[in-house]
């Protein structure tokens, strides 16, 4: 069953994006070299970048349709987005950062959901700390938790390990695998690192120069270069 359907075009300087793919449950990796257009695609899914043409639909709901004049605002799309650097608020505690996602999506307090996500990501011992007291991997786990507390229909992870060293990457990867298996939320995972994609993805969409060059399973990584995580 298709959860996400993307068919978009966008001119970005010298890059002409023309991307079409569908995703079901599990984790779909947008994989390709830097400059392929991966982040621009997830920004169009999230509503942070407007396509020139095309459409985006999630769970049967049209989020964007250029021909029909539909462009749902980002805050109404119910999409969680975790950026490369997490973007936590430095003046707020971990608990307050987590609660920000719920408040911004205008969700009622749900102590059970909060506890489940804190347990899933193993961040209960961090709740009263400020972001400056966290490791890079801990900050990213908190950012994921904040996105999940929005109760999103889709979770976008844009190179969430890119700013981490090898040790912190190994620290957070098991939590991302657990998230894929336990959270029951479809994930679009952006990466140019084959080993990350092998660990996390159930489906791969390969991008190059703004276009989809292949879509399928992990066999698409057979000729990809290994990286230091392997």
N, C-alpha and C. Protein backbone atom coordinates (compact mmCIF):
# COMPACT_ATOMS: atom_id res chain seq x y z
N UNK A 1 0.84 -1.20 0.00
CA UNK A 1 0.00 0.00 0.00
C UNK A 1 0.88 1.25 0.00
N UNK A 2 0.59 2.15 -0.93
CA UNK A 2 1.38 3.38 -1.02
C UNK A 2 1.00 4.34 0.10
N UNK A 3 2.00 4.80 0.85
CA UNK A 3 1.78 5.80 1.89
C UNK A 3 2.11 7.20 1.35
N UNK A 4 3.21 7.28 0.61
CA UNK A 4 3.69 8.56 0.10
C UNK A 4 3.88 8.46 -1.41
N UNK A 5 3.34 9.43 -2.13
CA UNK A 5 3.51 9.49 -3.58
C UNK A 5 4.07 10.87 -3.94
N UNK A 6 5.24 10.87 -4.55
CA UNK A 6 5.94 12.11 -4.89
C UNK A 6 6.17 12.16 -6.40
N UNK A 7 5.79 13.25 -7.02
CA UNK A 7 6.02 13.47 -8.45
C UNK A 7 6.21 14.97 -8.62
N UNK A 8 7.47 15.42 -8.55
CA UNK A 8 7.74 16.86 -8.49
C UNK A 8 8.85 17.25 -9.45
N UNK A 9 8.79 18.52 -9.86
CA UNK A 9 9.85 19.13 -10.65
C UNK A 9 10.18 20.49 -10.05
N UNK A 10 11.47 20.82 -10.06
CA UNK A 10 11.90 22.10 -9.49
C UNK A 10 13.23 22.50 -10.10
N UNK A 11 13.32 23.73 -10.57
CA UNK A 11 14.57 24.28 -11.07
C UNK A 11 15.29 24.97 -9.92
N UNK A 12 16.52 24.51 -9.62
CA UNK A 12 17.32 25.06 -8.53
C UNK A 12 18.69 25.42 -9.10
N UNK A 13 18.82 26.65 -9.56
CA UNK A 13 20.07 27.05 -10.19
C UNK A 13 20.33 26.21 -11.42
N UNK A 14 21.49 25.54 -11.46
CA UNK A 14 21.83 24.70 -12.60
C UNK A 14 21.19 23.32 -12.52
N UNK A 15 20.61 22.98 -11.38
CA UNK A 15 20.04 21.65 -11.17
C UNK A 15 18.56 21.66 -11.53
N UNK A 16 18.17 20.76 -12.41
CA UNK A 16 16.76 20.58 -12.74
C UNK A 16 16.28 19.29 -12.08
N UNK A 17 15.52 19.44 -10.99
CA UNK A 17 14.99 18.29 -10.28
C UNK A 17 13.74 17.77 -10.99
N UNK A 18 13.70 16.47 -11.22
CA UNK A 18 12.53 15.81 -11.75
C UNK A 18 12.47 14.44 -11.09
N UNK A 19 11.69 14.33 -10.02
CA UNK A 19 11.74 13.16 -9.14
C UNK A 19 10.34 12.57 -8.98
N UNK A 20 10.25 11.27 -9.20
CA UNK A 20 8.99 10.56 -9.02
C UNK A 20 9.26 9.24 -8.33
N UNK A 21 8.57 9.00 -7.21
CA UNK A 21 8.67 7.72 -6.51
C UNK A 21 7.49 7.55 -5.58
N UNK A 22 7.28 6.31 -5.16
CA UNK A 22 6.27 5.99 -4.16
C UNK A 22 6.92 5.23 -3.03
N UNK A 23 6.37 5.38 -1.83
CA UNK A 23 6.92 4.70 -0.65
C UNK A 23 5.77 4.12 0.16
N UNK A 24 6.01 2.96 0.71
CA UNK A 24 5.03 2.33 1.60
C UNK A 24 5.51 2.50 3.03
N UNK A 25 5.30 1.49 3.88
CA UNK A 25 5.78 1.58 5.25
C UNK A 25 7.27 1.33 5.33
N UNK A 26 7.78 1.20 6.56
CA UNK A 26 9.20 0.98 6.75
C UNK A 26 10.00 2.24 6.51
N UNK A 27 11.24 2.08 6.08
CA UNK A 27 12.14 3.21 5.87
C UNK A 27 12.58 3.25 4.42
N UNK A 28 12.25 4.32 3.75
CA UNK A 28 12.67 4.54 2.37
C UNK A 28 13.86 5.47 2.35
N UNK A 29 14.96 5.02 1.79
CA UNK A 29 16.17 5.84 1.72
C UNK A 29 16.22 6.60 0.41
N UNK A 30 16.43 7.91 0.50
CA UNK A 30 16.81 8.69 -0.67
C UNK A 30 18.33 8.72 -0.66
N UNK A 31 18.93 7.98 -1.57
CA UNK A 31 20.37 7.73 -1.56
C UNK A 31 21.00 8.28 -2.82
N UNK A 32 22.13 8.95 -2.65
CA UNK A 32 22.84 9.46 -3.80
C UNK A 32 23.93 10.41 -3.37
N UNK A 33 24.74 10.87 -4.30
CA UNK A 33 25.87 11.74 -3.95
C UNK A 33 25.40 13.11 -3.50
N UNK A 34 26.29 13.84 -2.85
CA UNK A 34 26.00 15.22 -2.47
C UNK A 34 25.67 16.01 -3.73
N UNK A 35 24.64 16.85 -3.64
CA UNK A 35 24.23 17.64 -4.78
C UNK A 35 23.22 16.97 -5.69
N UNK A 36 22.78 15.75 -5.32
CA UNK A 36 21.83 15.03 -6.16
C UNK A 36 20.41 15.58 -6.04
N UNK A 37 20.15 16.35 -4.98
CA UNK A 37 18.82 16.92 -4.79
C UNK A 37 18.01 16.28 -3.69
N UNK A 38 18.64 15.45 -2.86
CA UNK A 38 17.91 14.69 -1.84
C UNK A 38 17.22 15.59 -0.82
N UNK A 39 17.96 16.56 -0.27
CA UNK A 39 17.38 17.46 0.73
C UNK A 39 16.29 18.32 0.12
N UNK A 40 16.45 18.74 -1.11
CA UNK A 40 15.40 19.52 -1.77
C UNK A 40 14.12 18.71 -1.90
N UNK A 41 14.24 17.42 -2.17
CA UNK A 41 13.05 16.57 -2.28
C UNK A 41 12.32 16.50 -0.94
N UNK A 42 13.06 16.24 0.16
CA UNK A 42 12.36 16.15 1.45
C UNK A 42 11.81 17.51 1.87
N UNK A 43 12.46 18.60 1.48
CA UNK A 43 11.91 19.92 1.78
C UNK A 43 10.59 20.15 1.03
N UNK A 44 10.48 19.60 -0.17
CA UNK A 44 9.22 19.72 -0.91
C UNK A 44 8.14 18.84 -0.27
N UNK A 45 8.52 17.67 0.22
CA UNK A 45 7.55 16.83 0.94
C UNK A 45 7.05 17.55 2.18
N UNK A 46 7.96 18.18 2.90
CA UNK A 46 7.62 18.87 4.15
C UNK A 46 6.86 20.17 3.93
N UNK A 47 6.94 20.72 2.72
CA UNK A 47 6.28 22.00 2.44
C UNK A 47 7.18 23.20 2.65
N UNK A 48 8.48 22.95 2.84
CA UNK A 48 9.43 24.05 3.05
C UNK A 48 9.96 24.60 1.73
N UNK A 49 9.73 23.89 0.65
CA UNK A 49 10.15 24.30 -0.69
C UNK A 49 9.00 23.95 -1.64
N UNK A 50 8.61 24.90 -2.47
CA UNK A 50 7.46 24.69 -3.35
C UNK A 50 7.92 24.20 -4.72
N UNK A 51 7.43 23.04 -5.17
CA UNK A 51 7.78 22.56 -6.52
C UNK A 51 7.26 23.52 -7.59
N UNK A 52 7.90 23.48 -8.75
CA UNK A 52 7.39 24.24 -9.90
C UNK A 52 6.18 23.53 -10.51
N UNK A 53 6.25 22.21 -10.52
CA UNK A 53 5.16 21.41 -11.07
C UNK A 53 5.07 20.11 -10.29
N UNK A 54 3.90 19.44 -10.42
CA UNK A 54 3.78 18.10 -9.86
C UNK A 54 2.86 18.02 -8.66
N UNK A 55 3.05 16.94 -7.86
CA UNK A 55 2.16 16.68 -6.74
C UNK A 55 2.86 15.87 -5.67
N UNK A 56 2.35 16.00 -4.44
CA UNK A 56 2.79 15.21 -3.29
C UNK A 56 1.53 14.78 -2.55
N UNK A 57 1.41 13.47 -2.26
CA UNK A 57 0.26 12.97 -1.52
C UNK A 57 0.74 12.05 -0.41
N UNK A 58 0.07 12.12 0.74
CA UNK A 58 0.42 11.32 1.91
C UNK A 58 -0.85 10.69 2.47
N UNK A 59 -0.86 9.37 2.58
CA UNK A 59 -2.03 8.66 3.11
C UNK A 59 -3.31 9.05 2.38
N UNK A 60 -3.20 9.26 1.07
CA UNK A 60 -4.38 9.60 0.29
C UNK A 60 -4.77 11.06 0.35
N UNK A 61 -4.06 11.87 1.13
CA UNK A 61 -4.34 13.30 1.23
C UNK A 61 -3.37 14.07 0.35
N UNK A 62 -3.88 14.94 -0.50
CA UNK A 62 -3.02 15.74 -1.36
C UNK A 62 -2.41 16.88 -0.54
N UNK A 63 -1.09 16.88 -0.48
CA UNK A 63 -0.37 17.95 0.22
C UNK A 63 -0.02 19.08 -0.73
N UNK A 64 0.27 18.70 -1.98
CA UNK A 64 0.62 19.70 -3.00
C UNK A 64 0.15 19.20 -4.35
N UNK A 65 -0.45 20.08 -5.12
CA UNK A 65 -0.83 19.78 -6.50
C UNK A 65 -0.80 21.09 -7.27
N UNK A 66 0.22 21.25 -8.10
CA UNK A 66 0.39 22.52 -8.80
C UNK A 66 -0.78 22.80 -9.72
N UNK A 67 -1.28 21.78 -10.43
CA UNK A 67 -2.37 21.99 -11.37
C UNK A 67 -3.67 22.38 -10.67
N UNK A 68 -3.89 21.82 -9.47
CA UNK A 68 -5.12 22.10 -8.73
C UNK A 68 -5.00 23.30 -7.80
N UNK A 69 -3.79 23.87 -7.69
CA UNK A 69 -3.59 25.02 -6.82
C UNK A 69 -3.59 24.68 -5.34
N UNK A 70 -3.22 23.44 -5.01
CA UNK A 70 -3.19 22.99 -3.61
C UNK A 70 -1.76 23.06 -3.08
N UNK A 71 -1.57 23.70 -1.95
CA UNK A 71 -0.26 23.74 -1.29
C UNK A 71 -0.49 23.86 0.22
N UNK A 72 -0.65 22.69 0.87
CA UNK A 72 -0.95 22.67 2.30
C UNK A 72 0.23 23.25 3.09
N UNK A 73 -0.02 24.15 4.05
CA UNK A 73 1.08 24.71 4.85
C UNK A 73 1.81 23.61 5.62
N UNK A 74 3.11 23.81 5.86
CA UNK A 74 3.90 22.77 6.55
C UNK A 74 3.30 22.32 7.87
N UNK A 75 2.79 23.25 8.69
CA UNK A 75 2.32 22.89 10.02
C UNK A 75 1.04 22.06 10.00
N UNK A 76 0.38 21.98 8.84
CA UNK A 76 -0.82 21.16 8.73
C UNK A 76 -0.56 19.79 8.11
N UNK A 77 0.66 19.56 7.66
CA UNK A 77 0.96 18.30 6.96
C UNK A 77 1.18 17.12 7.90
N UNK A 78 1.41 17.39 9.17
CA UNK A 78 1.67 16.34 10.17
C UNK A 78 2.87 15.48 9.74
N UNK A 79 3.96 16.17 9.43
CA UNK A 79 5.20 15.51 9.06
C UNK A 79 6.28 15.92 10.05
N UNK A 80 6.94 14.94 10.66
CA UNK A 80 8.07 15.22 11.54
C UNK A 80 9.34 15.32 10.73
N UNK A 81 10.18 16.28 11.07
CA UNK A 81 11.40 16.53 10.29
C UNK A 81 12.57 16.66 11.26
N UNK A 82 13.59 15.81 11.06
CA UNK A 82 14.81 15.88 11.85
C UNK A 82 15.94 16.30 10.91
N UNK A 83 16.55 17.45 11.21
CA UNK A 83 17.60 18.00 10.36
C UNK A 83 18.96 17.42 10.74
N UNK A 84 19.96 17.74 9.95
CA UNK A 84 21.31 17.21 10.18
C UNK A 84 21.82 17.53 11.57
N UNK A 85 21.57 18.74 12.04
CA UNK A 85 22.17 19.18 13.30
C UNK A 85 21.17 19.20 14.45
N UNK A 86 19.98 18.64 14.26
CA UNK A 86 19.03 18.52 15.35
C UNK A 86 18.22 19.77 15.66
N UNK A 87 18.89 20.93 15.75
CA UNK A 87 18.22 22.22 15.97
C UNK A 87 17.42 22.25 17.27
N UNK A 88 18.03 21.80 18.35
CA UNK A 88 17.38 21.92 19.65
C UNK A 88 17.50 23.36 20.14
N UNK A 89 16.58 23.76 21.02
CA UNK A 89 16.63 25.09 21.61
C UNK A 89 17.60 25.07 22.78
N UNK A 90 18.69 25.84 22.73
CA UNK A 90 19.72 25.74 23.76
C UNK A 90 19.27 26.19 25.14
N UNK A 91 18.26 27.06 25.22
CA UNK A 91 17.82 27.60 26.51
C UNK A 91 16.77 26.72 27.18
N UNK A 92 16.34 25.65 26.51
CA UNK A 92 15.33 24.75 27.06
C UNK A 92 15.97 23.42 27.47
N UNK A 93 15.39 22.80 28.49
CA UNK A 93 15.84 21.46 28.88
C UNK A 93 15.41 20.45 27.83
N UNK A 94 15.93 19.23 27.95
CA UNK A 94 15.51 18.16 27.05
C UNK A 94 14.01 17.95 27.15
N UNK A 95 13.49 17.94 28.36
CA UNK A 95 12.04 17.75 28.56
C UNK A 95 11.26 18.84 27.82
N UNK A 96 11.71 20.08 27.95
CA UNK A 96 11.02 21.19 27.31
C UNK A 96 11.16 21.14 25.79
N UNK A 97 12.33 20.72 25.31
CA UNK A 97 12.50 20.55 23.87
C UNK A 97 11.56 19.48 23.33
N UNK A 98 11.44 18.38 24.06
CA UNK A 98 10.53 17.32 23.64
C UNK A 98 9.09 17.83 23.59
N UNK A 99 8.69 18.58 24.59
CA UNK A 99 7.32 19.05 24.68
C UNK A 99 7.00 20.09 23.61
N UNK A 100 8.03 20.73 23.08
CA UNK A 100 7.81 21.75 22.05
C UNK A 100 7.10 21.16 20.84
N UNK A 101 7.49 19.94 20.43
CA UNK A 101 6.84 19.31 19.28
C UNK A 101 5.36 19.12 19.51
N UNK A 102 5.00 18.67 20.69
CA UNK A 102 3.58 18.47 21.01
C UNK A 102 2.83 19.80 20.98
N UNK A 103 3.42 20.83 21.59
CA UNK A 103 2.74 22.12 21.68
C UNK A 103 2.56 22.76 20.30
N UNK A 104 3.59 22.66 19.46
CA UNK A 104 3.50 23.27 18.15
C UNK A 104 2.47 22.58 17.26
N UNK A 105 2.25 21.30 17.49
CA UNK A 105 1.23 20.58 16.73
C UNK A 105 -0.12 20.61 17.43
N UNK A 106 -0.17 21.34 18.57
CA UNK A 106 -1.41 21.54 19.33
C UNK A 106 -2.04 20.22 19.75
N UNK A 107 -1.18 19.32 20.21
CA UNK A 107 -1.64 18.04 20.72
C UNK A 107 -1.81 18.11 22.23
N UNK A 108 -2.81 17.42 22.77
CA UNK A 108 -2.95 17.39 24.23
C UNK A 108 -1.82 16.60 24.87
N UNK A 109 -1.55 16.86 26.13
CA UNK A 109 -0.53 16.10 26.84
C UNK A 109 -0.94 14.63 26.90
N UNK A 110 0.03 13.76 26.68
CA UNK A 110 -0.22 12.32 26.72
C UNK A 110 0.99 11.70 27.42
N UNK A 111 0.85 11.47 28.73
CA UNK A 111 1.98 10.98 29.52
C UNK A 111 2.44 9.61 29.02
N UNK A 112 1.49 8.78 28.58
CA UNK A 112 1.85 7.46 28.08
C UNK A 112 2.70 7.53 26.82
N UNK A 113 2.31 8.39 25.87
CA UNK A 113 3.08 8.55 24.64
C UNK A 113 4.46 9.12 24.93
N UNK A 114 4.52 10.10 25.85
CA UNK A 114 5.80 10.68 26.22
C UNK A 114 6.73 9.61 26.78
N UNK A 115 6.22 8.78 27.67
CA UNK A 115 7.03 7.73 28.29
C UNK A 115 7.49 6.69 27.27
N UNK A 116 6.61 6.34 26.35
CA UNK A 116 6.98 5.35 25.32
C UNK A 116 8.12 5.86 24.46
N UNK A 117 8.06 7.12 24.06
CA UNK A 117 9.10 7.67 23.19
C UNK A 117 10.41 7.85 23.95
N UNK A 118 10.32 8.30 25.20
CA UNK A 118 11.52 8.45 26.02
C UNK A 118 12.19 7.09 26.21
N UNK A 119 11.40 6.05 26.43
CA UNK A 119 11.95 4.69 26.59
C UNK A 119 12.53 4.17 25.28
N UNK A 120 11.81 4.38 24.18
CA UNK A 120 12.27 3.92 22.87
C UNK A 120 13.65 4.47 22.54
N UNK A 121 13.88 5.74 22.87
CA UNK A 121 15.13 6.42 22.52
C UNK A 121 16.13 6.46 23.67
N UNK A 122 15.75 5.90 24.83
CA UNK A 122 16.64 5.82 26.00
C UNK A 122 17.17 7.20 26.38
N UNK A 123 16.26 8.14 26.59
CA UNK A 123 16.67 9.50 26.94
C UNK A 123 16.08 9.96 28.27
N UNK A 124 15.54 9.03 29.05
CA UNK A 124 14.95 9.40 30.32
C UNK A 124 15.92 10.07 31.27
N UNK A 125 17.19 9.64 31.26
CA UNK A 125 18.18 10.21 32.17
C UNK A 125 18.68 11.58 31.71
N UNK A 126 18.22 12.02 30.54
CA UNK A 126 18.68 13.30 29.99
C UNK A 126 17.65 14.42 30.15
N UNK A 127 16.49 14.14 30.69
CA UNK A 127 15.35 15.06 30.60
C UNK A 127 15.60 16.43 31.20
N UNK A 128 16.39 16.53 32.24
CA UNK A 128 16.61 17.84 32.88
C UNK A 128 17.88 18.53 32.39
N UNK A 129 18.58 17.95 31.46
CA UNK A 129 19.79 18.57 30.93
C UNK A 129 19.47 19.56 29.82
N UNK A 130 20.40 20.49 29.60
CA UNK A 130 20.33 21.40 28.47
C UNK A 130 21.11 20.79 27.29
N UNK A 131 20.81 21.19 26.06
CA UNK A 131 21.48 20.60 24.91
C UNK A 131 23.00 20.67 24.95
N UNK A 132 23.57 21.71 25.55
CA UNK A 132 25.03 21.83 25.59
C UNK A 132 25.67 20.73 26.42
N UNK A 133 24.88 20.05 27.27
CA UNK A 133 25.40 18.99 28.12
C UNK A 133 25.26 17.62 27.46
N UNK A 134 24.80 17.58 26.22
CA UNK A 134 24.56 16.32 25.53
C UNK A 134 25.63 16.04 24.49
N UNK A 135 25.86 14.77 24.21
CA UNK A 135 26.72 14.39 23.09
C UNK A 135 25.94 14.61 21.79
N UNK A 136 26.65 14.55 20.67
CA UNK A 136 25.98 14.72 19.38
C UNK A 136 24.90 13.67 19.16
N UNK A 137 25.19 12.42 19.51
CA UNK A 137 24.21 11.36 19.35
C UNK A 137 23.00 11.56 20.24
N UNK A 138 23.23 12.04 21.46
CA UNK A 138 22.11 12.30 22.37
C UNK A 138 21.23 13.42 21.84
N UNK A 139 21.85 14.46 21.30
CA UNK A 139 21.07 15.57 20.74
C UNK A 139 20.17 15.09 19.60
N UNK A 140 20.71 14.21 18.75
CA UNK A 140 19.91 13.73 17.64
C UNK A 140 18.77 12.83 18.13
N UNK A 141 19.00 12.03 19.17
CA UNK A 141 17.92 11.22 19.72
C UNK A 141 16.81 12.10 20.28
N UNK A 142 17.18 13.21 20.94
CA UNK A 142 16.17 14.14 21.45
C UNK A 142 15.41 14.78 20.29
N UNK A 143 16.12 15.14 19.23
CA UNK A 143 15.45 15.74 18.07
C UNK A 143 14.45 14.76 17.46
N UNK A 144 14.81 13.49 17.39
CA UNK A 144 13.88 12.47 16.90
C UNK A 144 12.67 12.38 17.82
N UNK A 145 12.91 12.37 19.13
CA UNK A 145 11.81 12.31 20.08
C UNK A 145 10.87 13.49 19.94
N UNK A 146 11.42 14.68 19.76
CA UNK A 146 10.58 15.88 19.59
C UNK A 146 9.69 15.73 18.36
N UNK A 147 10.25 15.21 17.26
CA UNK A 147 9.46 15.01 16.05
C UNK A 147 8.37 13.97 16.26
N UNK A 148 8.68 12.89 16.98
CA UNK A 148 7.69 11.84 17.21
C UNK A 148 6.53 12.32 18.08
N UNK A 149 6.81 13.23 19.01
CA UNK A 149 5.75 13.72 19.89
C UNK A 149 4.76 14.62 19.18
N UNK A 150 5.04 14.97 17.93
CA UNK A 150 4.05 15.66 17.09
C UNK A 150 3.00 14.68 16.59
N UNK A 151 3.21 13.38 16.82
CA UNK A 151 2.36 12.31 16.27
C UNK A 151 2.29 12.43 14.75
N UNK A 152 3.42 12.41 14.08
CA UNK A 152 3.43 12.63 12.63
C UNK A 152 2.91 11.41 11.86
N UNK A 153 2.45 11.68 10.65
CA UNK A 153 2.08 10.60 9.73
C UNK A 153 3.29 10.10 8.97
N UNK A 154 4.36 10.91 8.95
CA UNK A 154 5.57 10.59 8.22
C UNK A 154 6.73 11.25 8.94
N UNK A 155 7.88 10.58 8.98
CA UNK A 155 9.08 11.14 9.60
C UNK A 155 10.17 11.28 8.55
N UNK A 156 10.68 12.50 8.40
CA UNK A 156 11.78 12.79 7.48
C UNK A 156 13.07 12.93 8.28
N UNK A 157 14.08 12.16 7.91
CA UNK A 157 15.39 12.24 8.56
C UNK A 157 16.41 12.64 7.50
N UNK A 158 16.87 13.88 7.57
CA UNK A 158 17.78 14.41 6.55
C UNK A 158 19.22 14.30 7.03
N UNK A 159 19.91 13.25 6.60
CA UNK A 159 21.31 13.01 6.97
C UNK A 159 21.51 13.23 8.47
N UNK A 160 20.76 12.55 9.32
CA UNK A 160 20.82 12.82 10.76
C UNK A 160 22.14 12.46 11.41
N UNK A 161 22.99 11.70 10.71
CA UNK A 161 24.28 11.32 11.27
C UNK A 161 25.44 12.11 10.67
N UNK A 162 25.14 13.03 9.77
CA UNK A 162 26.21 13.70 9.02
C UNK A 162 27.15 14.50 9.90
N UNK A 163 26.64 15.07 10.99
CA UNK A 163 27.47 15.93 11.84
C UNK A 163 28.17 15.15 12.95
N UNK A 164 28.01 13.82 12.99
CA UNK A 164 28.55 13.01 14.07
C UNK A 164 29.83 12.30 13.64
N UNK A 165 30.71 12.08 14.61
CA UNK A 165 31.90 11.27 14.32
C UNK A 165 31.50 9.79 14.32
N UNK A 166 32.45 8.94 13.96
CA UNK A 166 32.14 7.51 13.78
C UNK A 166 31.60 6.87 15.06
N UNK A 167 32.16 7.26 16.21
CA UNK A 167 31.71 6.70 17.47
C UNK A 167 30.27 7.04 17.78
N UNK A 168 29.89 8.29 17.57
CA UNK A 168 28.52 8.71 17.84
C UNK A 168 27.55 8.16 16.80
N UNK A 169 28.04 7.94 15.57
CA UNK A 169 27.19 7.28 14.58
C UNK A 169 26.85 5.87 15.03
N UNK A 170 27.83 5.15 15.52
CA UNK A 170 27.57 3.79 16.01
C UNK A 170 26.64 3.81 17.22
N UNK A 171 26.70 4.88 18.01
CA UNK A 171 25.84 5.01 19.18
C UNK A 171 24.38 5.16 18.79
N UNK A 172 24.09 5.97 17.79
CA UNK A 172 22.70 6.29 17.47
C UNK A 172 22.06 5.30 16.49
N UNK A 173 22.83 4.62 15.68
CA UNK A 173 22.26 3.73 14.66
C UNK A 173 21.29 2.70 15.24
N UNK A 174 21.62 2.02 16.35
CA UNK A 174 20.65 1.05 16.88
C UNK A 174 19.31 1.68 17.25
N UNK A 175 19.31 2.93 17.68
CA UNK A 175 18.05 3.60 18.01
C UNK A 175 17.24 3.89 16.75
N UNK A 176 17.90 4.22 15.66
CA UNK A 176 17.19 4.46 14.42
C UNK A 176 16.60 3.16 13.88
N UNK A 177 17.32 2.05 14.04
CA UNK A 177 16.78 0.74 13.64
C UNK A 177 15.56 0.40 14.50
N UNK A 178 15.66 0.66 15.80
CA UNK A 178 14.54 0.41 16.70
C UNK A 178 13.34 1.28 16.33
N UNK A 179 13.62 2.52 15.96
CA UNK A 179 12.56 3.43 15.54
C UNK A 179 11.84 2.87 14.32
N UNK A 180 12.59 2.40 13.35
CA UNK A 180 11.99 1.81 12.14
C UNK A 180 11.09 0.63 12.49
N UNK A 181 11.54 -0.20 13.41
CA UNK A 181 10.83 -1.44 13.70
C UNK A 181 9.67 -1.27 14.68
N UNK A 182 9.79 -0.30 15.61
CA UNK A 182 8.83 -0.22 16.71
C UNK A 182 7.86 0.95 16.63
N UNK A 183 8.22 2.01 15.94
CA UNK A 183 7.39 3.21 16.00
C UNK A 183 6.19 3.19 15.06
N UNK A 184 6.20 2.30 14.06
CA UNK A 184 5.07 2.16 13.13
C UNK A 184 4.77 3.46 12.39
N UNK A 185 5.80 4.24 12.12
CA UNK A 185 5.67 5.47 11.33
C UNK A 185 6.57 5.34 10.11
N UNK A 186 6.05 5.53 8.90
CA UNK A 186 6.92 5.47 7.73
C UNK A 186 8.00 6.54 7.79
N UNK A 187 9.18 6.19 7.31
CA UNK A 187 10.35 7.06 7.40
C UNK A 187 10.92 7.29 6.00
N UNK A 188 11.29 8.53 5.71
CA UNK A 188 12.14 8.83 4.54
C UNK A 188 13.49 9.26 5.10
N UNK A 189 14.52 8.50 4.74
CA UNK A 189 15.85 8.68 5.32
C UNK A 189 16.81 9.12 4.22
N UNK A 190 17.37 10.31 4.37
CA UNK A 190 18.30 10.86 3.38
C UNK A 190 19.72 10.55 3.78
N UNK A 191 20.50 9.99 2.84
CA UNK A 191 21.91 9.70 3.14
C UNK A 191 22.68 9.47 1.85
N UNK A 192 23.99 9.74 1.92
CA UNK A 192 24.88 9.36 0.84
C UNK A 192 25.86 8.29 1.31
N UNK A 193 25.59 7.71 2.50
CA UNK A 193 26.48 6.73 3.09
C UNK A 193 25.87 5.33 2.97
N UNK A 194 26.47 4.43 2.19
CA UNK A 194 25.88 3.11 1.95
C UNK A 194 25.66 2.30 3.22
N UNK A 195 26.59 2.35 4.17
CA UNK A 195 26.45 1.51 5.36
C UNK A 195 25.26 1.93 6.20
N UNK A 196 25.01 3.24 6.30
CA UNK A 196 23.81 3.70 7.02
C UNK A 196 22.55 3.16 6.36
N UNK A 197 22.49 3.28 5.06
CA UNK A 197 21.31 2.85 4.33
C UNK A 197 21.08 1.35 4.48
N UNK A 198 22.17 0.59 4.45
CA UNK A 198 22.03 -0.86 4.62
C UNK A 198 21.44 -1.22 5.98
N UNK A 199 21.81 -0.46 7.00
CA UNK A 199 21.31 -0.73 8.36
C UNK A 199 19.85 -0.34 8.53
N UNK A 200 19.43 0.74 7.88
CA UNK A 200 18.16 1.36 8.22
C UNK A 200 17.07 1.14 7.18
N UNK A 201 17.42 1.16 5.90
CA UNK A 201 16.39 1.21 4.86
C UNK A 201 15.77 -0.15 4.57
N UNK A 202 14.50 -0.11 4.19
CA UNK A 202 13.82 -1.28 3.64
C UNK A 202 13.63 -1.12 2.13
N UNK A 203 13.65 0.13 1.67
CA UNK A 203 13.52 0.46 0.25
C UNK A 203 14.53 1.56 -0.08
N UNK A 204 15.06 1.51 -1.28
CA UNK A 204 16.06 2.50 -1.70
C UNK A 204 15.60 3.19 -2.98
N UNK A 205 15.68 4.52 -2.96
CA UNK A 205 15.46 5.34 -4.16
C UNK A 205 16.78 6.05 -4.44
N UNK A 206 17.42 5.69 -5.54
CA UNK A 206 18.73 6.29 -5.88
C UNK A 206 18.52 7.52 -6.74
N UNK A 207 19.13 8.62 -6.28
CA UNK A 207 19.07 9.88 -7.02
C UNK A 207 20.46 10.24 -7.54
N UNK A 208 20.46 10.86 -8.70
CA UNK A 208 21.70 11.40 -9.24
C UNK A 208 21.34 12.57 -10.16
N UNK A 209 21.98 13.70 -9.93
CA UNK A 209 21.78 14.89 -10.76
C UNK A 209 20.31 15.27 -10.87
N UNK A 210 19.58 15.12 -9.75
CA UNK A 210 18.20 15.58 -9.71
C UNK A 210 17.17 14.62 -10.24
N UNK A 211 17.58 13.37 -10.55
CA UNK A 211 16.63 12.40 -11.11
C UNK A 211 16.75 11.06 -10.40
N UNK A 212 15.63 10.33 -10.39
CA UNK A 212 15.64 8.96 -9.87
C UNK A 212 16.25 8.06 -10.92
N UNK A 213 17.34 7.38 -10.57
CA UNK A 213 17.99 6.48 -11.52
C UNK A 213 17.67 5.02 -11.24
N UNK A 214 17.15 4.71 -10.05
CA UNK A 214 16.75 3.35 -9.72
C UNK A 214 15.94 3.38 -8.43
N UNK A 215 15.04 2.41 -8.28
CA UNK A 215 14.26 2.25 -7.05
C UNK A 215 14.04 0.77 -6.82
N UNK A 216 14.23 0.34 -5.58
CA UNK A 216 14.07 -1.07 -5.27
C UNK A 216 14.56 -1.39 -3.87
N UNK A 217 15.16 -2.58 -3.73
CA UNK A 217 15.63 -3.02 -2.43
C UNK A 217 17.10 -2.70 -2.20
N UNK A 218 17.66 -3.30 -1.18
CA UNK A 218 19.04 -3.02 -0.80
C UNK A 218 20.05 -3.51 -1.83
N UNK A 219 19.59 -4.32 -2.79
CA UNK A 219 20.50 -4.75 -3.84
C UNK A 219 21.01 -3.58 -4.67
N UNK A 220 20.33 -2.44 -4.60
CA UNK A 220 20.79 -1.26 -5.33
C UNK A 220 22.07 -0.70 -4.76
N UNK A 221 22.45 -1.15 -3.58
CA UNK A 221 23.69 -0.68 -2.96
C UNK A 221 24.87 -1.60 -3.25
N UNK A 222 24.66 -2.62 -4.07
CA UNK A 222 25.69 -3.63 -4.29
C UNK A 222 27.00 -3.03 -4.78
N UNK A 223 26.93 -2.00 -5.59
CA UNK A 223 28.15 -1.40 -6.13
C UNK A 223 28.52 -0.10 -5.46
N UNK A 224 27.80 0.22 -4.38
CA UNK A 224 28.11 1.47 -3.66
C UNK A 224 29.37 1.28 -2.84
N UNK A 225 30.13 2.34 -2.70
CA UNK A 225 31.35 2.28 -1.90
C UNK A 225 31.02 2.09 -0.44
N UNK A 226 31.75 1.25 0.25
CA UNK A 226 31.58 1.08 1.70
C UNK A 226 32.14 2.31 2.41
N UNK A 227 31.67 2.54 3.64
CA UNK A 227 32.21 3.66 4.41
C UNK A 227 32.71 3.17 5.76
N UNK A 228 33.13 4.09 6.57
CA UNK A 228 33.83 3.72 7.81
C UNK A 228 32.95 3.03 8.84
N UNK A 229 31.64 3.06 8.66
CA UNK A 229 30.77 2.40 9.65
C UNK A 229 30.78 0.89 9.47
N UNK A 230 31.25 0.38 8.34
CA UNK A 230 31.23 -1.06 8.12
C UNK A 230 32.49 -1.71 8.65
